[in-house]
C-alpha cells in the first residue's frame, strides 16, 4: 500500500508542475511579447512610403507597443497570482 501511495503522490506532484508550466497566461503573454517586439521593430524602421500608405500613422509601432503592453500584462498577472496546486487528499483509511 505504501508503494502505491508514494507513486500516486509522485504523479500528483508531476501533474501540478505540468499545470504551472503550461499555464495559458504564460503562453499568451510570451507570444504577445515576442510578436510585439517584432512589430515594434518593424514600426521603428518604417520608411516614409510605408507611413504615406497609412496616412502618416505608424500603425506597426502603435500595434507593437499595444501587443507588448498586453503580453507584459499577462506575464505580470502570472507573476502576481501564480497557479496554486490543489491540496493533496489524505487517504480515508489511514
PDB file of N, CA and C in Angstrom:
ATOM      1  N   UNK A   1       0.820  -1.196   0.000  1.00  0.00           N
ATOM      2  CA  UNK A   1       0.000   0.000   0.000  1.00  0.00           C
ATOM      3  C   UNK A   1       0.861   1.256   0.000  1.00  0.00           C
ATOM      4  N   UNK A   2       1.992   1.178   0.672  1.00  0.00           N
ATOM      5  CA  UNK A   2       2.873   2.333   0.765  1.00  0.00           C
ATOM      6  C   UNK A   2       3.472   2.687  -0.594  1.00  0.00           C
ATOM      7  N   UNK A   3       3.824   1.661  -1.383  1.00  0.00           N
ATOM      8  CA  UNK A   3       4.376   1.914  -2.709  1.00  0.00           C
ATOM      9  C   UNK A   3       3.358   2.591  -3.614  1.00  0.00           C
ATOM     10  N   UNK A   4       2.134   2.138  -3.535  1.00  0.00           N
ATOM     11  CA  UNK A   4       1.062   2.736  -4.328  1.00  0.00           C
ATOM     12  C   UNK A   4       0.828   4.188  -3.917  1.00  0.00           C
ATOM     13  N   UNK A   5       0.844   4.438  -2.627  1.00  0.00           N
ATOM     14  CA  UNK A   5       0.654   5.801  -2.124  1.00  0.00           C
ATOM     15  C   UNK A   5       1.795   6.714  -2.586  1.00  0.00           C
ATOM     16  N   UNK A   6       3.019   6.225  -2.534  1.00  0.00           N
ATOM     17  CA  UNK A   6       4.172   7.016  -2.984  1.00  0.00           C
ATOM     18  C   UNK A   6       4.085   7.304  -4.474  1.00  0.00           C
ATOM     19  N   UNK A   7       3.658   6.321  -5.237  1.00  0.00           N
ATOM     20  CA  UNK A   7       3.534   6.507  -6.679  1.00  0.00           C
ATOM     21  C   UNK A   7       2.457   7.544  -7.021  1.00  0.00           C
ATOM     22  N   UNK A   8       1.332   7.473  -6.322  1.00  0.00           N
ATOM     23  CA  UNK A   8       0.255   8.447  -6.542  1.00  0.00           C
ATOM     24  C   UNK A   8       0.717   9.850  -6.149  1.00  0.00           C
ATOM     25  N   UNK A   9       1.426   9.966  -5.045  1.00  0.00           N
ATOM     26  CA  UNK A   9       1.939  11.271  -4.607  1.00  0.00           C
ATOM     27  C   UNK A   9       2.898  11.856  -5.632  1.00  0.00           C
ATOM     28  N   UNK A  10       3.743  11.019  -6.193  1.00  0.00           N
ATOM     29  CA  UNK A  10       4.695  11.487  -7.209  1.00  0.00           C
ATOM     30  C   UNK A  10       3.968  11.954  -8.468  1.00  0.00           C
ATOM     31  N   UNK A  11       2.949  11.213  -8.888  1.00  0.00           N
ATOM     32  CA  UNK A  11       2.165  11.618 -10.058  1.00  0.00           C
ATOM     33  C   UNK A  11       1.421  12.926  -9.812  1.00  0.00           C
ATOM     34  N   UNK A  12       0.935  13.147  -8.606  1.00  0.00           N
ATOM     35  CA  UNK A  12       0.261  14.407  -8.276  1.00  0.00           C
ATOM     36  C   UNK A  12       1.233  15.576  -8.349  1.00  0.00           C
ATOM     37  N   UNK A  13       2.458  15.378  -7.872  1.00  0.00           N
ATOM     38  CA  UNK A  13       3.456  16.450  -7.947  1.00  0.00           C
ATOM     39  C   UNK A  13       3.800  16.774  -9.394  1.00  0.00           C
ATOM     40  N   UNK A  14       3.954  15.732 -10.223  1.00  0.00           N
ATOM     41  CA  UNK A  14       4.249  15.959 -11.642  1.00  0.00           C
ATOM     42  C   UNK A  14       3.099  16.666 -12.336  1.00  0.00           C
ATOM     43  N   UNK A  15       1.880  16.328 -11.976  1.00  0.00           N
ATOM     44  CA  UNK A  15       0.704  16.959 -12.575  1.00  0.00           C
ATOM     45  C   UNK A  15       0.637  18.439 -12.205  1.00  0.00           C
ATOM     46  N   UNK A  16       0.930  18.761 -10.958  1.00  0.00           N
ATOM     47  CA  UNK A  16       0.917  20.161 -10.528  1.00  0.00           C
ATOM     48  C   UNK A  16       2.004  20.953 -11.235  1.00  0.00           C
ATOM     49  N   UNK A  17       3.173  20.351 -11.417  1.00  0.00           N
ATOM     50  CA  UNK A  17       4.255  21.028 -12.127  1.00  0.00           C
ATOM     51  C   UNK A  17       3.883  21.270 -13.578  1.00  0.00           C
ATOM     52  N   UNK A  18       3.257  20.301 -14.221  1.00  0.00           N
ATOM     53  CA  UNK A  18       2.826  20.453 -15.616  1.00  0.00           C
ATOM     54  C   UNK A  18       1.758  21.528 -15.734  1.00  0.00           C
ATOM     55  N   UNK A  19       0.866  21.610 -14.766  1.00  0.00           N
ATOM     56  CA  UNK A  19      -0.179  22.636 -14.800  1.00  0.00           C
ATOM     57  C   UNK A  19       0.433  24.024 -14.707  1.00  0.00           C
ATOM     58  N   UNK A  20       1.433  24.189 -13.858  1.00  0.00           N
ATOM     59  CA  UNK A  20       2.088  25.503 -13.748  1.00  0.00           C
ATOM     60  C   UNK A  20       2.890  25.821 -14.995  1.00  0.00           C
ATOM     61  N   UNK A  21       3.509  24.821 -15.590  1.00  0.00           N
ATOM     62  CA  UNK A  21       4.348  25.029 -16.773  1.00  0.00           C
ATOM     63  C   UNK A  21       3.507  25.440 -17.977  1.00  0.00           C
ATOM     64  N   UNK A  22       2.339  24.846 -18.148  1.00  0.00           N
ATOM     65  CA  UNK A  22       1.512  25.103 -19.317  1.00  0.00           C
ATOM     66  C   UNK A  22       0.338  26.019 -18.997  1.00  0.00           C
ATOM     67  N   UNK A  23       0.536  26.940 -18.081  1.00  0.00           N
ATOM     68  CA  UNK A  23      -0.499  27.923 -17.771  1.00  0.00           C
ATOM     69  C   UNK A  23      -0.716  28.781 -19.014  1.00  0.00           C
ATOM     70  N   UNK A  24      -1.957  28.980 -19.395  1.00  0.00           N
ATOM     71  CA  UNK A  24      -2.288  29.696 -20.637  1.00  0.00           C
ATOM     72  C   UNK A  24      -1.795  31.141 -20.599  1.00  0.00           C
ATOM     73  N   UNK A  25      -1.700  31.730 -19.411  1.00  0.00           N
ATOM     74  CA  UNK A  25      -1.209  33.114 -19.318  1.00  0.00           C
ATOM     75  C   UNK A  25       0.245  33.202 -19.743  1.00  0.00           C
ATOM     76  N   UNK A  26       1.027  32.185 -19.438  1.00  0.00           N
ATOM     77  CA  UNK A  26       2.444  32.181 -19.840  1.00  0.00           C
ATOM     78  C   UNK A  26       2.562  32.093 -21.362  1.00  0.00           C
ATOM     79  N   UNK A  27       1.751  31.255 -21.971  1.00  0.00           N
ATOM     80  CA  UNK A  27       1.809  31.071 -23.420  1.00  0.00           C
ATOM     81  C   UNK A  27       1.343  32.332 -24.140  1.00  0.00           C
ATOM     82  N   UNK A  28       0.194  32.876 -23.747  1.00  0.00           N
ATOM     83  CA  UNK A  28      -0.332  34.079 -24.389  1.00  0.00           C
ATOM     84  C   UNK A  28       0.606  35.262 -24.165  1.00  0.00           C
ATOM     85  N   UNK A  29       1.051  35.447 -22.940  1.00  0.00           N
ATOM     86  CA  UNK A  29       1.952  36.557 -22.641  1.00  0.00           C
ATOM     87  C   UNK A  29       3.251  36.473 -23.409  1.00  0.00           C
ATOM     88  N   UNK A  30       3.832  35.280 -23.463  1.00  0.00           N
ATOM     89  CA  UNK A  30       5.093  35.110 -24.185  1.00  0.00           C
ATOM     90  C   UNK A  30       4.948  35.379 -25.669  1.00  0.00           C
ATOM     91  N   UNK A  31       3.872  34.867 -26.269  1.00  0.00           N
ATOM     92  CA  UNK A  31       3.659  35.109 -27.697  1.00  0.00           C
ATOM     93  C   UNK A  31       3.423  36.583 -27.998  1.00  0.00           C
ATOM     94  N   UNK A  32       2.622  37.249 -27.181  1.00  0.00           N
ATOM     95  CA  UNK A  32       2.373  38.663 -27.420  1.00  0.00           C
ATOM     96  C   UNK A  32       3.645  39.495 -27.253  1.00  0.00           C
ATOM     97  N   UNK A  33       4.487  39.145 -26.308  1.00  0.00           N
ATOM     98  CA  UNK A  33       5.741  39.889 -26.131  1.00  0.00           C
ATOM     99  C   UNK A  33       6.654  39.675 -27.339  1.00  0.00           C
ATOM    100  N   UNK A  34       6.787  38.437 -27.786  1.00  0.00           N
ATOM    101  CA  UNK A  34       7.660  38.156 -28.935  1.00  0.00           C
ATOM    102  C   UNK A  34       7.147  38.876 -30.184  1.00  0.00           C
ATOM    103  N   UNK A  35       5.859  38.719 -30.485  1.00  0.00           N
ATOM    104  CA  UNK A  35       5.295  39.371 -31.668  1.00  0.00           C
ATOM    105  C   UNK A  35       5.292  40.891 -31.507  1.00  0.00           C
ATOM    106  N   UNK A  36       5.079  41.369 -30.300  1.00  0.00           N
ATOM    107  CA  UNK A  36       5.118  42.815 -30.057  1.00  0.00           C
ATOM    108  C   UNK A  36       6.482  43.410 -30.342  1.00  0.00           C
ATOM    109  N   UNK A  37       7.531  42.701 -29.945  1.00  0.00           N
ATOM    110  CA  UNK A  37       8.894  43.179 -30.222  1.00  0.00           C
ATOM    111  C   UNK A  37       9.127  43.223 -31.730  1.00  0.00           C
ATOM    112  N   UNK A  38       8.704  42.183 -32.443  1.00  0.00           N
ATOM    113  CA  UNK A  38       8.908  42.135 -33.896  1.00  0.00           C
ATOM    114  C   UNK A  38       8.156  43.269 -34.588  1.00  0.00           C
ATOM    115  N   UNK A  39       6.896  43.469 -34.222  1.00  0.00           N
ATOM    116  CA  UNK A  39       6.093  44.506 -34.872  1.00  0.00           C
ATOM    117  C   UNK A  39       6.585  45.899 -34.482  1.00  0.00           C
ATOM    118  N   UNK A  40       7.047  46.078 -33.248  1.00  0.00           N
ATOM    119  CA  UNK A  40       7.589  47.375 -32.831  1.00  0.00           C
ATOM    120  C   UNK A  40       8.856  47.706 -33.617  1.00  0.00           C
ATOM    121  N   UNK A  41       9.707  46.730 -33.816  1.00  0.00           N
ATOM    122  CA  UNK A  41      10.921  46.961 -34.618  1.00  0.00           C
ATOM    123  C   UNK A  41      10.543  47.320 -36.050  1.00  0.00           C
ATOM    124  N   UNK A  42       9.524  46.642 -36.584  1.00  0.00           N
ATOM    125  CA  UNK A  42       9.054  46.993 -37.934  1.00  0.00           C
ATOM    126  C   UNK A  42       8.506  48.410 -37.967  1.00  0.00           C
ATOM    127  N   UNK A  43       7.877  48.853 -36.895  1.00  0.00           N
ATOM    128  CA  UNK A  43       7.363  50.217 -36.833  1.00  0.00           C
ATOM    129  C   UNK A  43       8.453  51.264 -36.697  1.00  0.00           C
ATOM    130  N   UNK A  44       9.504  50.926 -35.962  1.00  0.00           N
ATOM    131  CA  UNK A  44      10.609  51.873 -35.786  1.00  0.00           C
ATOM    132  C   UNK A  44      11.364  52.066 -37.098  1.00  0.00           C
ATOM    133  N   UNK A  45      11.475  50.997 -37.868  1.00  0.00           N
ATOM    134  CA  UNK A  45      12.240  51.058 -39.114  1.00  0.00           C
ATOM    135  C   UNK A  45      11.350  51.331 -40.335  1.00  0.00           C
ATOM    136  N   UNK A  46      10.156  51.821 -40.122  1.00  0.00           N
ATOM    137  CA  UNK A  46       9.235  52.066 -41.247  1.00  0.00           C
ATOM    138  C   UNK A  46       9.757  53.199 -42.126  1.00  0.00           C
ATOM    139  N   UNK A  47       9.565  53.031 -43.426  1.00  0.00           N
ATOM    140  CA  UNK A  47      10.006  54.065 -44.364  1.00  0.00           C
ATOM    141  C   UNK A  47       8.900  55.109 -44.540  1.00  0.00           C
ATOM    142  N   UNK A  48       9.255  56.192 -45.223  1.00  0.00           N
ATOM    143  CA  UNK A  48       8.268  57.247 -45.480  1.00  0.00           C
ATOM    144  C   UNK A  48       7.148  56.747 -46.388  1.00  0.00           C
ATOM    145  N   UNK A  49       7.474  55.844 -47.312  1.00  0.00           N
ATOM    146  CA  UNK A  49       6.449  55.288 -48.201  1.00  0.00           C
ATOM    147  C   UNK A  49       5.436  54.458 -47.405  1.00  0.00           C
ATOM    148  N   UNK A  50       5.942  53.709 -46.426  1.00  0.00           N
ATOM    149  CA  UNK A  50       5.035  52.931 -45.579  1.00  0.00           C
ATOM    150  C   UNK A  50       4.117  53.840 -44.770  1.00  0.00           C
ATOM    151  N   UNK A  51       4.661  54.924 -44.274  1.00  0.00           N
ATOM    152  CA  UNK A  51       3.847  55.857 -43.489  1.00  0.00           C
ATOM    153  C   UNK A  51       2.809  56.558 -44.360  1.00  0.00           C
ATOM    154  N   UNK A  52       3.163  56.862 -45.603  1.00  0.00           N
ATOM    155  CA  UNK A  52       2.196  57.506 -46.507  1.00  0.00           C
ATOM    156  C   UNK A  52       1.011  56.595 -46.785  1.00  0.00           C
ATOM    157  N   UNK A  53       1.269  55.291 -46.909  1.00  0.00           N
ATOM    158  CA  UNK A  53       0.186  54.342 -47.151  1.00  0.00           C
ATOM    159  C   UNK A  53      -0.821  54.350 -46.008  1.00  0.00           C
ATOM    160  N   UNK A  54      -0.350  54.601 -44.803  1.00  0.00           N
ATOM    161  CA  UNK A  54      -1.207  54.571 -43.619  1.00  0.00           C
ATOM    162  C   UNK A  54      -1.593  55.971 -43.172  1.00  0.00           C
ATOM    163  N   UNK A  55      -1.576  56.914 -44.068  1.00  0.00           N
ATOM    164  CA  UNK A  55      -1.953  58.302 -43.784  1.00  0.00           C
ATOM    165  C   UNK A  55      -1.138  58.889 -42.629  1.00  0.00           C
ATOM    166  N   UNK A  56       0.167  58.658 -42.673  1.00  0.00           N
ATOM    167  CA  UNK A  56       1.144  59.182 -41.706  1.00  0.00           C
ATOM    168  C   UNK A  56       0.907  58.727 -40.265  1.00  0.00           C
ATOM    169  N   UNK A  57       0.294  57.578 -40.103  1.00  0.00           N
ATOM    170  CA  UNK A  57       0.154  56.965 -38.776  1.00  0.00           C
ATOM    171  C   UNK A  57       1.016  55.710 -38.775  1.00  0.00           C
ATOM    172  N   UNK A  58       1.903  55.609 -37.824  1.00  0.00           N
ATOM    173  CA  UNK A  58       2.794  54.454 -37.756  1.00  0.00           C
ATOM    174  C   UNK A  58       2.053  53.299 -37.080  1.00  0.00           C
ATOM    175  N   UNK A  59       1.283  52.586 -37.880  1.00  0.00           N
ATOM    176  CA  UNK A  59       0.418  51.522 -37.368  1.00  0.00           C
ATOM    177  C   UNK A  59       1.239  50.414 -36.715  1.00  0.00           C
ATOM    178  N   UNK A  60       2.344  50.037 -37.322  1.00  0.00           N
ATOM    179  CA  UNK A  60       3.165  48.965 -36.762  1.00  0.00           C
ATOM    180  C   UNK A  60       3.717  49.340 -35.387  1.00  0.00           C
ATOM    181  N   UNK A  61       4.130  50.563 -35.235  1.00  0.00           N
ATOM    182  CA  UNK A  61       4.678  50.991 -33.946  1.00  0.00           C
ATOM    183  C   UNK A  61       3.605  50.940 -32.862  1.00  0.00           C
ATOM    184  N   UNK A  62       2.441  51.504 -33.141  1.00  0.00           N
ATOM    185  CA  UNK A  62       1.368  51.532 -32.139  1.00  0.00           C
ATOM    186  C   UNK A  62       0.834  50.130 -31.843  1.00  0.00           C
ATOM    187  N   UNK A  63       0.696  49.314 -32.861  1.00  0.00           N
ATOM    188  CA  UNK A  63       0.224  47.944 -32.652  1.00  0.00           C
ATOM    189  C   UNK A  63       1.252  47.141 -31.866  1.00  0.00           C
ATOM    190  N   UNK A  64       2.522  47.303 -32.198  1.00  0.00           N
ATOM    191  CA  UNK A  64       3.582  46.596 -31.471  1.00  0.00           C
ATOM    192  C   UNK A  64       3.645  46.992 -30.010  1.00  0.00           C
ATOM    193  N   UNK A  65       3.501  48.276 -29.735  1.00  0.00           N
ATOM    194  CA  UNK A  65       3.511  48.723 -28.338  1.00  0.00           C
ATOM    195  C   UNK A  65       2.295  48.190 -27.583  1.00  0.00           C
ATOM    196  N   UNK A  66       1.157  48.148 -28.255  1.00  0.00           N
ATOM    197  CA  UNK A  66      -0.041  47.578 -27.626  1.00  0.00           C
ATOM    198  C   UNK A  66       0.126  46.097 -27.336  1.00  0.00           C
ATOM    199  N   UNK A  67       0.718  45.371 -28.284  1.00  0.00           N
ATOM    200  CA  UNK A  67       0.957  43.942 -28.075  1.00  0.00           C
ATOM    201  C   UNK A  67       1.958  43.712 -26.938  1.00  0.00           C
ATOM    202  N   UNK A  68       2.981  44.546 -26.866  1.00  0.00           N
ATOM    203  CA  UNK A  68       3.937  44.437 -25.767  1.00  0.00           C
ATOM    204  C   UNK A  68       3.255  44.683 -24.423  1.00  0.00           C
ATOM    205  N   UNK A  69       2.412  45.695 -24.368  1.00  0.00           N
ATOM    206  CA  UNK A  69       1.707  46.007 -23.123  1.00  0.00           C
ATOM    207  C   UNK A  69       0.803  44.841 -22.704  1.00  0.00           C
ATOM    208  N   UNK A  70       0.083  44.273 -23.656  1.00  0.00           N
ATOM    209  CA  UNK A  70      -0.808  43.154 -23.338  1.00  0.00           C
ATOM    210  C   UNK A  70      -0.011  41.929 -22.889  1.00  0.00           C
ATOM    211  N   UNK A  71       1.078  41.630 -23.574  1.00  0.00           N
ATOM    212  CA  UNK A  71       1.911  40.495 -23.185  1.00  0.00           C
ATOM    213  C   UNK A  71       2.519  40.670 -21.809  1.00  0.00           C
ATOM    214  N   UNK A  72       2.987  41.876 -21.508  1.00  0.00           N
ATOM    215  CA  UNK A  72       3.548  42.140 -20.182  1.00  0.00           C
ATOM    216  C   UNK A  72       2.470  42.089 -19.109  1.00  0.00           C
ATOM    217  N   UNK A  73       1.239  42.482 -19.462  1.00  0.00           N
ATOM    218  CA  UNK A  73       0.116  42.368 -18.525  1.00  0.00           C
ATOM    219  C   UNK A  73      -0.111  40.903 -18.152  1.00  0.00           C
ATOM    220  N   UNK A  74      -0.147  40.012 -19.145  1.00  0.00           N
ATOM    221  CA  UNK A  74      -0.369  38.594 -18.873  1.00  0.00           C
ATOM    222  C   UNK A  74       0.771  38.005 -18.052  1.00  0.00           C
ATOM    223  N   UNK A  75       2.008  38.356 -18.376  1.00  0.00           N
ATOM    224  CA  UNK A  75       3.141  37.830 -17.618  1.00  0.00           C
ATOM    225  C   UNK A  75       3.169  38.390 -16.199  1.00  0.00           C
ATOM    226  N   UNK A  76       2.789  39.654 -16.041  1.00  0.00           N
ATOM    227  CA  UNK A  76       2.690  40.235 -14.701  1.00  0.00           C
ATOM    228  C   UNK A  76       1.589  39.583 -13.883  1.00  0.00           C
ATOM    229  N   UNK A  77       0.472  39.302 -14.518  1.00  0.00           N
ATOM    230  CA  UNK A  77      -0.635  38.614 -13.859  1.00  0.00           C
ATOM    231  C   UNK A  77      -0.184  37.233 -13.385  1.00  0.00           C
ATOM    232  N   UNK A  78       0.563  36.544 -14.227  1.00  0.00           N
ATOM    233  CA  UNK A  78       1.078  35.229 -13.865  1.00  0.00           C
ATOM    234  C   UNK A  78       2.035  35.332 -12.686  1.00  0.00           C
ATOM    235  N   UNK A  79       2.855  36.359 -12.672  1.00  0.00           N
ATOM    236  CA  UNK A  79       3.833  36.531 -11.605  1.00  0.00           C
ATOM    237  C   UNK A  79       3.153  36.905 -10.289  1.00  0.00           C
ATOM    238  N   UNK A  80       2.121  37.763 -10.355  1.00  0.00           N
ATOM    239  CA  UNK A  80       1.442  38.204  -9.139  1.00  0.00           C
ATOM    240  C   UNK A  80       0.498  37.143  -8.573  1.00  0.00           C
ATOM    241  N   UNK A  81      -0.117  36.355  -9.435  1.00  0.00           N
ATOM    242  CA  UNK A  81      -1.043  35.307  -8.993  1.00  0.00           C
ATOM    243  C   UNK A  81      -0.686  33.979  -9.657  1.00  0.00           C
ATOM    244  N   UNK A  82       0.356  33.318  -9.143  1.00  0.00           N
ATOM    245  CA  UNK A  82       0.770  32.043  -9.756  1.00  0.00           C
ATOM    246  C   UNK A  82      -0.279  30.962  -9.536  1.00  0.00           C
ATOM    247  N   UNK A  83      -0.225  29.954 -10.370  1.00  0.00           N
ATOM    248  CA  UNK A  83      -1.130  28.822 -10.256  1.00  0.00           C
ATOM    249  C   UNK A  83      -0.782  28.031  -9.007  1.00  0.00           C
ATOM    250  N   UNK A  84      -1.785  27.757  -8.199  1.00  0.00           N
ATOM    251  CA  UNK A  84      -1.579  27.008  -6.969  1.00  0.00           C
ATOM    252  C   UNK A  84      -2.062  25.578  -7.186  1.00  0.00           C
ATOM    253  N   UNK A  85      -1.247  24.642  -6.807  1.00  0.00           N
ATOM    254  CA  UNK A  85      -1.633  23.238  -6.942  1.00  0.00           C
ATOM    255  C   UNK A  85      -2.741  22.915  -5.946  1.00  0.00           C
ATOM    256  N   UNK A  86      -3.703  22.102  -6.348  1.00  0.00           N
ATOM    257  CA  UNK A  86      -4.764  21.732  -5.407  1.00  0.00           C
ATOM    258  C   UNK A  86      -4.186  20.926  -4.250  1.00  0.00           C
ATOM    259  N   UNK A  87      -4.762  21.049  -3.067  1.00  0.00           N
ATOM    260  CA  UNK A  87      -4.220  20.302  -1.930  1.00  0.00           C
ATOM    261  C   UNK A  87      -4.399  18.797  -2.136  1.00  0.00           C
ATOM    262  N   UNK A  88      -3.410  18.068  -1.688  1.00  0.00           N
ATOM    263  CA  UNK A  88      -3.461  16.612  -1.818  1.00  0.00           C
ATOM    264  C   UNK A  88      -4.478  16.053  -0.834  1.00  0.00           C
ATOM    265  N   UNK A  89      -5.246  15.089  -1.297  1.00  0.00           N
ATOM    266  CA  UNK A  89      -6.245  14.462  -0.439  1.00  0.00           C
ATOM    267  C   UNK A  89      -5.570  13.400   0.427  1.00  0.00           C
ATOM    268  N   UNK A  90      -5.975  13.349   1.686  1.00  0.00           N
ATOM    269  CA  UNK A  90      -5.464  12.330   2.586  1.00  0.00           C
ATOM    270  C   UNK A  90      -6.239  11.042   2.374  1.00  0.00           C
ATOM    271  N   UNK A  91      -5.582   9.908   2.457  1.00  0.00           N
ATOM    272  CA  UNK A  91      -6.318   8.648   2.314  1.00  0.00           C
ATOM    273  C   UNK A  91      -7.343   8.480   3.424  1.00  0.00           C
ATOM    274  N   UNK A  92      -8.530   7.990   3.085  1.00  0.00           N
ATOM    275  CA  UNK A  92      -9.616   7.873   4.052  1.00  0.00           C
ATOM    276  C   UNK A  92      -9.365   6.764   5.070  1.00  0.00           C
ATOM    277  N   UNK A  93      -8.631   5.739   4.695  1.00  0.00           N
ATOM    278  CA  UNK A  93      -8.429   4.595   5.570  1.00  0.00           C
ATOM    279  C   UNK A  93      -7.371   4.802   6.629  1.00  0.00           C
ATOM    280  N   UNK A  94      -6.507   5.768   6.506  1.00  0.00           N
ATOM    281  CA  UNK A  94      -5.397   5.936   7.452  1.00  0.00           C
ATOM    282  C   UNK A  94      -5.733   6.844   8.586  1.00  0.00           C
TER     283      UNK A  94
END
